[in-house]
């Protein structure tokens, strides 16, 4: 396979201490590409503050540091649209991979660009993040997505949305599922300044089992408030039910979730732990009674896959992408109906045979998922994109 130069533009603007699903996709893919045998060379465009987290990469990686000025929302958009194409040409990039095409796209030639799309839930959700973001997504991002000829969807569900909602041809969409980096929980987190003893995190429930929900506090999409109402129903039937623990940083309208916790009659059995390190999260997974994912819309769902890898019984929203990635492993519920969520939580608590079956199917799905790797498939896409440009240049006599 011929030598080529690949530009990588991960979505790391949130920073190491606010690890989103897209952040985890970005970091895991970069690490995996570094481990593959390939003649490709990579140019990695990352914020200056993140460079230390990738200093161990091999000599095949050239790191281009983005000044802090360009990491704010508005100037980061400008950087992607206008500055990135110039930098990519300067570094002789032949194929440019934008890791978060549903947030940021570029005016680099679309024939030489691969854009990963994790979800497009902004498409018709004007109330979620306000009018300016809605207009930016609906007219800027959706317009640029329609220009792309190489799109990577992280699930078949996202691919279907791209085709049905935006009219993008299926021939332009490559479905390559995300993979769970289970090994990240087995190493001490580099962000040691935020390390807290696990006992401090769950001090309100020492030794008690708990339902665990790992997600940014994003209202209303992540559905925390409906889950709280469901949990209140559970406590009416079983006052000593396992605690309900939320893990994840504040995001959109998170104050609504905090207020719902504060006002809830179940407040003394509800814990919101905020951001935790990988080491802490691994410990929380290991000690949980069960995992709950109540989101009303997702493009993939890393925490669901992670929970299954720890052998947790899982309960989750009955949405297409969860059916796609988790199969028969979870107990599914209607995320709009608190009484349906409560019924599934109570069923798992009262039926030991059901819980054992859920654990077995979780482990089975996790073993199947562990055999997948997205890095070789994406590397092959990079080479195909670069090769098409060389063939086109040859035909034009360049």
Protein backbone atom coordinates (compact mmCIF):
# COMPACT_ATOMS: atom_id res chain seq x y z
CA UNK A 1 0.00 0.00 0.00
CA UNK A 2 1.44 3.38 -1.05
CA UNK A 3 2.59 6.08 1.33
CA UNK A 4 0.03 8.83 1.94
CA UNK A 5 -0.56 11.70 4.35
CA UNK A 6 -3.75 11.63 6.42
CA UNK A 7 -5.06 14.61 8.35
CA UNK A 8 -6.90 13.83 11.59
CA UNK A 9 -9.16 16.42 13.23
CA UNK A 10 -10.51 14.98 16.50
CA UNK A 11 -13.16 16.71 18.56
CA UNK A 12 -11.20 17.48 21.72
CA UNK A 13 -12.43 20.99 22.40
CA UNK A 14 -14.31 19.83 25.51
CA UNK A 15 -10.99 18.94 27.17
CA UNK A 16 -9.68 15.92 29.01
CA UNK A 17 -11.84 16.50 32.09
CA UNK A 18 -15.15 16.56 30.17
CA UNK A 19 -14.93 13.33 28.19
CA UNK A 20 -17.88 13.09 25.82
CA UNK A 21 -18.65 10.09 23.65
CA UNK A 22 -17.07 11.87 20.68
CA UNK A 23 -13.97 12.55 22.77
CA UNK A 24 -13.69 8.85 23.57
CA UNK A 25 -14.14 7.95 19.90
CA UNK A 26 -11.41 10.44 18.98
CA UNK A 27 -8.87 9.27 21.53
CA UNK A 28 -9.45 5.55 20.98
CA UNK A 29 -9.18 5.88 17.19
CA UNK A 30 -5.91 7.83 17.35
CA UNK A 31 -4.39 5.25 19.70
CA UNK A 32 -5.56 2.37 17.47
CA UNK A 33 -4.21 3.97 14.29
CA UNK A 34 -0.84 4.36 15.97
CA UNK A 35 -0.76 0.62 16.68
CA UNK A 36 -1.55 -0.44 13.10
CA UNK A 37 1.21 -1.35 10.68
CA UNK A 38 0.91 1.13 7.85
CA UNK A 39 3.00 3.33 5.61
CA UNK A 40 0.59 6.21 6.16
CA UNK A 41 1.74 9.32 7.96
CA UNK A 42 -0.67 11.32 10.09
CA UNK A 43 -1.04 15.02 10.77
CA UNK A 44 -2.98 15.49 14.00
CA UNK A 45 -4.71 18.85 14.52
CA UNK A 46 -5.46 19.28 18.24
CA UNK A 47 -5.84 22.08 20.81
CA UNK A 48 -2.57 23.09 22.40
CA UNK A 49 -3.91 22.08 25.82
CA UNK A 50 -4.44 18.48 24.63
CA UNK A 51 -0.97 17.95 23.12
CA UNK A 52 0.46 16.44 26.33
CA UNK A 53 -2.10 13.61 26.16
CA UNK A 54 -0.73 12.52 22.77
CA UNK A 55 2.99 13.12 23.25
CA UNK A 56 3.61 9.35 23.29
CA UNK A 57 2.51 8.81 19.68
CA UNK A 58 5.00 7.39 17.20
CA UNK A 59 7.08 9.40 14.76
CA UNK A 60 4.46 8.76 12.07
CA UNK A 61 2.38 11.49 13.75
CA UNK A 62 3.00 15.19 13.26
CA UNK A 63 1.11 17.23 15.87
CA UNK A 64 -0.22 20.64 14.83
CA UNK A 65 -1.32 22.60 17.90
CA UNK A 66 -4.42 24.77 17.66
CA UNK A 67 -4.01 28.05 19.62
CA UNK A 68 -6.39 28.46 22.54
CA UNK A 69 -7.96 31.44 20.77
CA UNK A 70 -9.53 29.05 18.24
CA UNK A 71 -11.12 26.72 20.80
CA UNK A 72 -14.09 28.95 21.69
CA UNK A 73 -17.27 27.98 19.84
CA UNK A 74 -17.42 30.83 17.29
CA UNK A 75 -13.71 30.95 16.47
CA UNK A 76 -13.51 27.16 16.35
CA UNK A 77 -16.16 27.20 13.61
CA UNK A 78 -14.10 29.78 11.71
CA UNK A 79 -10.94 27.71 12.22
CA UNK A 80 -12.58 24.61 10.73
CA UNK A 81 -14.12 26.46 7.79
CA UNK A 82 -11.26 28.75 6.77
CA UNK A 83 -7.98 28.02 8.59
CA UNK A 84 -7.99 24.21 8.54
CA UNK A 85 -8.09 23.95 4.70
CA UNK A 86 -4.97 26.14 4.48
CA UNK A 87 -3.15 24.10 7.13
CA UNK A 88 -4.14 20.82 5.46
CA UNK A 89 -2.75 21.99 2.11
CA UNK A 90 0.43 23.26 3.77
CA UNK A 91 1.02 19.80 5.29
CA UNK A 92 0.18 18.11 1.95
CA UNK A 93 -2.77 16.23 3.42
CA UNK A 94 -4.31 13.84 0.89
CA UNK A 95 -7.31 12.72 2.96
CA UNK A 96 -8.75 14.71 5.86
CA UNK A 97 -10.82 13.00 8.56
CA UNK A 98 -13.14 15.23 10.58
CA UNK A 99 -14.02 13.21 13.69
CA UNK A 100 -17.16 15.22 14.55
CA UNK A 101 -18.90 16.05 11.28
CA UNK A 102 -22.18 16.62 13.08
CA UNK A 103 -20.57 19.58 14.93
CA UNK A 104 -17.82 20.93 12.71
CA UNK A 105 -17.13 20.69 8.97
CA UNK A 106 -14.59 22.29 6.69
CA UNK A 107 -14.31 23.86 3.25
CA UNK A 108 -11.49 21.45 2.38
CA UNK A 109 -12.46 19.70 -0.91
CA UNK A 110 -15.26 17.23 -0.08
CA UNK A 111 -13.73 14.59 -2.38
CA UNK A 112 -10.70 14.53 -0.06
CA UNK A 113 -12.66 14.66 3.21
CA UNK A 114 -14.13 11.93 5.40
CA UNK A 115 -16.60 13.25 7.98
CA UNK A 116 -17.76 11.12 10.90
CA UNK A 117 -21.37 11.74 11.90
CA UNK A 118 -22.37 10.52 15.35
CA UNK A 119 -25.97 11.75 15.29
CA UNK A 120 -28.14 14.51 13.81
CA UNK A 121 -30.64 15.02 16.61
CA UNK A 122 -30.24 18.83 16.25
CA UNK A 123 -31.96 18.58 12.86
CA UNK A 124 -35.46 19.52 14.01
CA UNK A 125 -34.95 20.26 17.73
CA UNK A 126 -35.10 24.04 17.95
CA UNK A 127 -35.90 23.96 21.68
CA UNK A 128 -32.91 21.86 22.70
CA UNK A 129 -30.03 24.34 22.50
CA UNK A 130 -31.61 27.59 21.39
CA UNK A 131 -32.18 29.36 18.08
CA UNK A 132 -28.54 30.26 17.15
CA UNK A 133 -27.29 26.67 17.46
CA UNK A 134 -30.35 25.33 15.69
CA UNK A 135 -29.81 27.70 12.74
CA UNK A 136 -26.09 26.86 12.64
CA UNK A 137 -26.83 23.16 12.49
CA UNK A 138 -29.84 23.31 10.16
CA UNK A 139 -28.30 25.59 7.56
CA UNK A 140 -24.50 25.41 7.94
CA UNK A 141 -23.84 21.82 9.08
CA UNK A 142 -26.69 20.21 7.13
CA UNK A 143 -25.74 22.19 4.03
CA UNK A 144 -22.11 21.10 4.26
CA UNK A 145 -23.09 17.49 5.01
CA UNK A 146 -25.04 17.38 1.74
CA UNK A 147 -21.84 18.40 -0.09
CA UNK A 148 -19.82 15.53 1.36
CA UNK A 149 -19.13 12.45 -0.75
CA UNK A 150 -17.53 10.42 2.07
CA UNK A 151 -19.48 10.14 5.31
CA UNK A 152 -18.79 7.74 8.16
CA UNK A 153 -21.84 6.88 10.30
CA UNK A 154 -21.15 5.28 13.68
CA UNK A 155 -24.35 3.22 13.47
CA UNK A 156 -26.90 2.08 10.92
CA UNK A 157 -29.43 4.21 12.79
CA UNK A 158 -27.41 7.36 12.12
CA UNK A 159 -26.95 6.32 8.48
CA UNK A 160 -30.72 5.96 8.12
CA UNK A 161 -31.24 9.46 9.57
CA UNK A 162 -28.68 10.94 7.16
CA UNK A 163 -30.46 9.36 4.21
CA UNK A 164 -34.06 9.93 5.24
CA UNK A 165 -33.79 13.37 6.87
CA UNK A 166 -31.05 15.00 4.78
CA UNK A 167 -31.47 13.08 1.52
CA UNK A 168 -27.82 11.99 1.42
CA UNK A 169 -27.28 9.04 -0.98
CA UNK A 170 -26.56 5.74 0.75
CA UNK A 171 -23.57 5.32 -1.58
CA UNK A 172 -21.87 8.22 0.23
CA UNK A 173 -22.35 6.72 3.72
CA UNK A 174 -20.06 4.11 5.26
CA UNK A 175 -21.39 2.45 8.44
CA UNK A 176 -18.59 1.49 10.83
CA UNK A 177 -19.66 1.00 14.43
CA UNK A 178 -17.78 2.45 17.37
CA UNK A 179 -15.80 0.13 19.61
CA UNK A 180 -15.44 0.13 23.40
CA UNK A 181 -11.93 0.76 24.72
CA UNK A 182 -12.30 -1.51 27.75
CA UNK A 183 -8.60 -1.19 28.55
CA UNK A 184 -8.89 2.47 29.54
CA UNK A 185 -10.46 1.46 32.84
CA UNK A 186 -7.47 -0.69 33.75
CA UNK A 187 -4.95 2.16 33.81
CA UNK A 188 -4.65 5.08 36.16
CA UNK A 189 -6.19 8.22 34.70
CA UNK A 190 -3.69 10.93 33.75
CA UNK A 191 -5.97 13.59 35.18
CA UNK A 192 -4.68 12.94 38.72
CA UNK A 193 -5.50 16.43 39.95
CA UNK A 194 -9.17 15.48 40.01
CA UNK A 195 -8.68 12.09 41.65
CA UNK A 196 -11.03 11.43 44.56
CA UNK A 197 -11.32 8.27 46.65
CA UNK A 198 -14.24 6.19 45.45
CA UNK A 199 -15.58 6.08 49.01
CA UNK A 200 -16.06 9.86 48.86
CA UNK A 201 -18.07 9.56 45.66
CA UNK A 202 -20.61 7.15 47.12
CA UNK A 203 -20.35 8.16 50.78
CA UNK A 204 -24.13 8.69 50.95
CA UNK A 205 -24.65 5.02 50.10
CA UNK A 206 -21.79 3.09 51.74
CA UNK A 207 -21.89 -0.54 50.80
CA UNK A 208 -25.27 -0.17 49.09
CA UNK A 209 -26.07 -1.36 45.56
CA UNK A 210 -27.13 1.27 43.04
CA UNK A 211 -28.58 1.78 39.60
CA UNK A 212 -25.97 3.64 37.52
CA UNK A 213 -26.61 6.11 34.69
CA UNK A 214 -23.50 7.46 32.89
CA UNK A 215 -24.27 10.46 30.69
CA UNK A 216 -23.73 14.19 30.48
CA UNK A 217 -26.47 16.10 32.28
CA UNK A 218 -28.18 17.17 29.06
CA UNK A 219 -31.85 18.12 29.49
CA UNK A 220 -34.21 17.00 28.06
CA UNK A 221 -32.43 14.66 25.61
CA UNK A 222 -30.83 12.40 28.23
CA UNK A 223 -34.16 12.09 30.04
CA UNK A 224 -32.86 12.34 33.61
CA UNK A 225 -36.04 13.97 34.92
CA UNK A 226 -38.32 11.20 33.64
CA UNK A 227 -35.93 8.63 35.13
CA UNK A 228 -36.13 10.43 38.49
CA UNK A 229 -39.93 10.25 38.35
CA UNK A 230 -39.67 6.54 37.57
CA UNK A 231 -37.35 6.01 40.51
CA UNK A 232 -39.82 7.75 42.81
CA UNK A 233 -42.40 5.17 41.71
CA UNK A 234 -39.94 2.39 42.49
CA UNK A 235 -39.44 3.67 46.04
CA UNK A 236 -43.20 3.73 46.61
CA UNK A 237 -43.18 -0.04 46.07
CA UNK A 238 -39.76 -0.81 47.53
CA UNK A 239 -38.43 1.91 49.90
CA UNK A 240 -35.05 0.17 50.21
CA UNK A 241 -34.44 -0.09 46.47
CA UNK A 242 -30.86 0.43 45.26
CA UNK A 243 -29.77 4.05 45.07
CA UNK A 244 -29.82 5.87 41.71
CA UNK A 245 -26.41 7.32 40.79
CA UNK A 246 -25.80 9.79 37.95
CA UNK A 247 -22.29 10.19 36.54
CA UNK A 248 -21.41 12.88 34.01
CA UNK A 249 -20.59 16.59 33.67
CA UNK A 250 -23.12 19.39 33.39
CA UNK A 251 -24.21 20.20 29.85
CA UNK A 252 -27.33 21.80 28.38
CA UNK A 253 -29.97 22.92 30.93
CA UNK A 254 -28.35 20.77 33.61
CA UNK A 255 -29.81 23.08 36.25
CA UNK A 256 -33.23 21.54 35.50
CA UNK A 257 -31.85 18.12 36.47
CA UNK A 258 -30.18 19.40 39.64
CA UNK A 259 -33.43 21.09 40.67
CA UNK A 260 -35.42 17.90 40.01
CA UNK A 261 -33.02 16.00 42.28
CA UNK A 262 -33.22 18.65 45.00
CA UNK A 263 -37.03 18.72 44.98
CA UNK A 264 -37.54 14.98 44.65
CA UNK A 265 -38.97 13.07 47.63
CA UNK A 266 -36.26 10.52 46.77
CA UNK A 267 -33.47 13.12 47.06
CA UNK A 268 -31.68 11.24 49.84
CA UNK A 269 -31.28 8.21 47.53
CA UNK A 270 -30.26 10.17 44.42
CA UNK A 271 -26.57 10.97 43.79
CA UNK A 272 -25.12 13.14 41.03
CA UNK A 273 -21.34 12.67 41.02
CA UNK A 274 -20.40 14.89 38.07
CA UNK A 275 -17.21 14.12 36.17
CA UNK A 276 -15.20 11.10 37.35
CA UNK A 277 -11.90 9.72 36.08
CA UNK A 278 -11.62 6.48 34.11
CA UNK A 279 -10.35 4.65 37.19
CA UNK A 280 -13.30 5.84 39.26
CA UNK A 281 -15.79 5.06 36.51
CA UNK A 282 -14.44 1.53 36.21
CA UNK A 283 -14.92 1.04 39.96
CA UNK A 284 -18.47 2.41 39.74
CA UNK A 285 -19.32 0.00 36.93
CA UNK A 286 -17.92 -2.94 38.91
CA UNK A 287 -19.97 -2.18 42.02
CA UNK A 288 -23.30 -1.25 40.39
CA UNK A 289 -26.45 -3.34 40.76
CA UNK A 290 -27.54 -2.49 37.19
CA UNK A 291 -27.04 0.09 34.47
CA UNK A 292 -29.82 2.37 33.18
CA UNK A 293 -29.64 4.37 29.95
CA UNK A 294 -32.75 6.52 29.60
CA UNK A 295 -31.78 8.76 26.66
CA UNK A 296 -34.49 9.62 24.16
CA UNK A 297 -32.06 9.98 21.24
CA UNK A 298 -28.53 8.69 20.60
CA UNK A 299 -26.21 8.14 17.69
CA UNK A 300 -24.45 5.26 19.43
CA UNK A 301 -24.21 4.93 23.23
CA UNK A 302 -20.72 4.24 24.61
CA UNK A 303 -21.81 3.80 28.25
CA UNK A 304 -24.26 1.07 27.30
CA UNK A 305 -21.49 -0.94 25.62
CA UNK A 306 -19.12 -0.25 28.52
CA UNK A 307 -21.69 -1.46 31.06
CA UNK A 308 -22.18 -4.71 29.13
CA UNK A 309 -18.42 -5.24 29.07
CA UNK A 310 -18.50 -5.21 32.89
CA UNK A 311 -21.26 -7.83 32.89
CA UNK A 312 -23.91 -5.47 34.22
CA UNK A 313 -27.60 -6.14 33.61
CA UNK A 314 -28.81 -3.19 31.55
CA UNK A 315 -32.11 -1.39 31.18
CA UNK A 316 -32.43 1.13 28.37
CA UNK A 317 -34.70 3.14 26.12
CA UNK A 318 -36.36 1.28 23.29
CA UNK A 319 -34.80 3.30 20.46
CA UNK A 320 -33.40 1.89 17.19
CA UNK A 321 -29.72 2.46 17.90
CA UNK A 322 -29.85 0.63 21.23
CA UNK A 323 -31.55 -2.32 19.56
CA UNK A 324 -28.76 -2.24 16.98
CA UNK A 325 -25.80 -2.23 19.37
CA UNK A 326 -27.21 -4.19 22.33
CA UNK A 327 -29.56 -6.74 20.74
CA UNK A 328 -31.49 -8.83 23.25
CA UNK A 329 -29.25 -8.01 26.20
CA UNK A 330 -31.20 -5.12 27.80
CA UNK A 331 -34.62 -4.82 29.31
CA UNK A 332 -36.15 -2.15 27.08
CA UNK A 333 -38.58 0.54 28.22
CA UNK A 334 -40.49 3.46 26.72
CA UNK A 335 -38.36 6.50 27.69
CA UNK A 336 -41.45 8.73 27.69
CA UNK A 337 -43.30 6.72 30.34
CA UNK A 338 -41.99 6.79 33.91
CA UNK A 339 -44.33 3.96 34.93
CA UNK A 340 -42.85 1.68 32.25
CA UNK A 341 -39.29 2.47 33.37
CA UNK A 342 -40.26 1.80 37.01
CA UNK A 343 -41.83 -1.54 36.09
CA UNK A 344 -38.61 -2.72 34.43
CA UNK A 345 -36.48 -1.60 37.37
CA UNK A 346 -38.77 -3.44 39.79
CA UNK A 347 -38.74 -6.57 37.61
CA UNK A 348 -34.96 -6.68 37.69
CA UNK A 349 -34.94 -6.24 41.47
CA UNK A 350 -37.52 -8.96 42.16
CA UNK A 351 -36.54 -11.66 39.68
CA UNK A 352 -33.10 -13.16 40.27
CA UNK A 353 -33.38 -15.46 37.26
CA UNK A 354 -34.13 -12.50 35.00
CA UNK A 355 -31.12 -10.62 36.37
CA UNK A 356 -28.81 -13.58 35.76
CA UNK A 357 -30.10 -13.88 32.19
CA UNK A 358 -29.46 -10.18 31.60
CA UNK A 359 -25.91 -10.52 32.93
CA UNK A 360 -25.23 -13.49 30.64
CA UNK A 361 -26.55 -11.73 27.54
CA UNK A 362 -24.60 -8.57 28.40
CA UNK A 363 -21.35 -10.53 28.54
CA UNK A 364 -22.21 -12.33 25.31
CA UNK A 365 -22.83 -9.05 23.46
CA UNK A 366 -19.66 -7.56 24.97
CA UNK A 367 -17.53 -10.48 23.77
CA UNK A 368 -18.93 -10.05 20.26
CA UNK A 369 -18.28 -6.29 20.30
CA UNK A 370 -14.72 -6.79 21.57
CA UNK A 371 -13.83 -8.62 18.36
CA UNK A 372 -14.52 -5.51 16.25
CA UNK A 373 -12.07 -2.75 15.43
CA UNK A 374 -12.93 0.38 13.49
CA UNK A 375 -9.35 1.60 12.90
CA UNK A 376 -8.41 -0.82 10.04
CA UNK A 377 -11.68 -0.07 8.23
CA UNK A 378 -11.21 3.67 8.53
CA UNK A 379 -7.57 3.43 7.47
CA UNK A 380 -8.72 1.58 4.37
CA UNK A 381 -11.18 4.40 3.67
CA UNK A 382 -8.38 6.99 3.97
CA UNK A 383 -6.29 5.12 1.41
CA UNK A 384 -9.22 4.78 -0.98
CA UNK A 385 -9.98 8.51 -0.76
CA UNK A 386 -6.32 9.40 -1.38
CA UNK A 387 -6.05 6.88 -4.24
CA UNK A 388 -9.08 8.39 -5.99
CA UNK A 389 -7.43 11.80 -5.92
CA UNK A 390 -4.23 10.40 -7.43
CA UNK A 391 -6.15 8.65 -10.18
CA UNK A 392 -8.07 11.86 -10.91
CA UNK A 393 -4.85 13.89 -11.03
CA UNK A 394 -3.28 11.31 -13.35
CA UNK A 395 -6.23 11.51 -15.76
CA UNK A 396 -5.89 15.30 -15.82
CA UNK A 397 -2.17 14.94 -16.53
CA UNK A 398 -1.12 16.63 -13.27
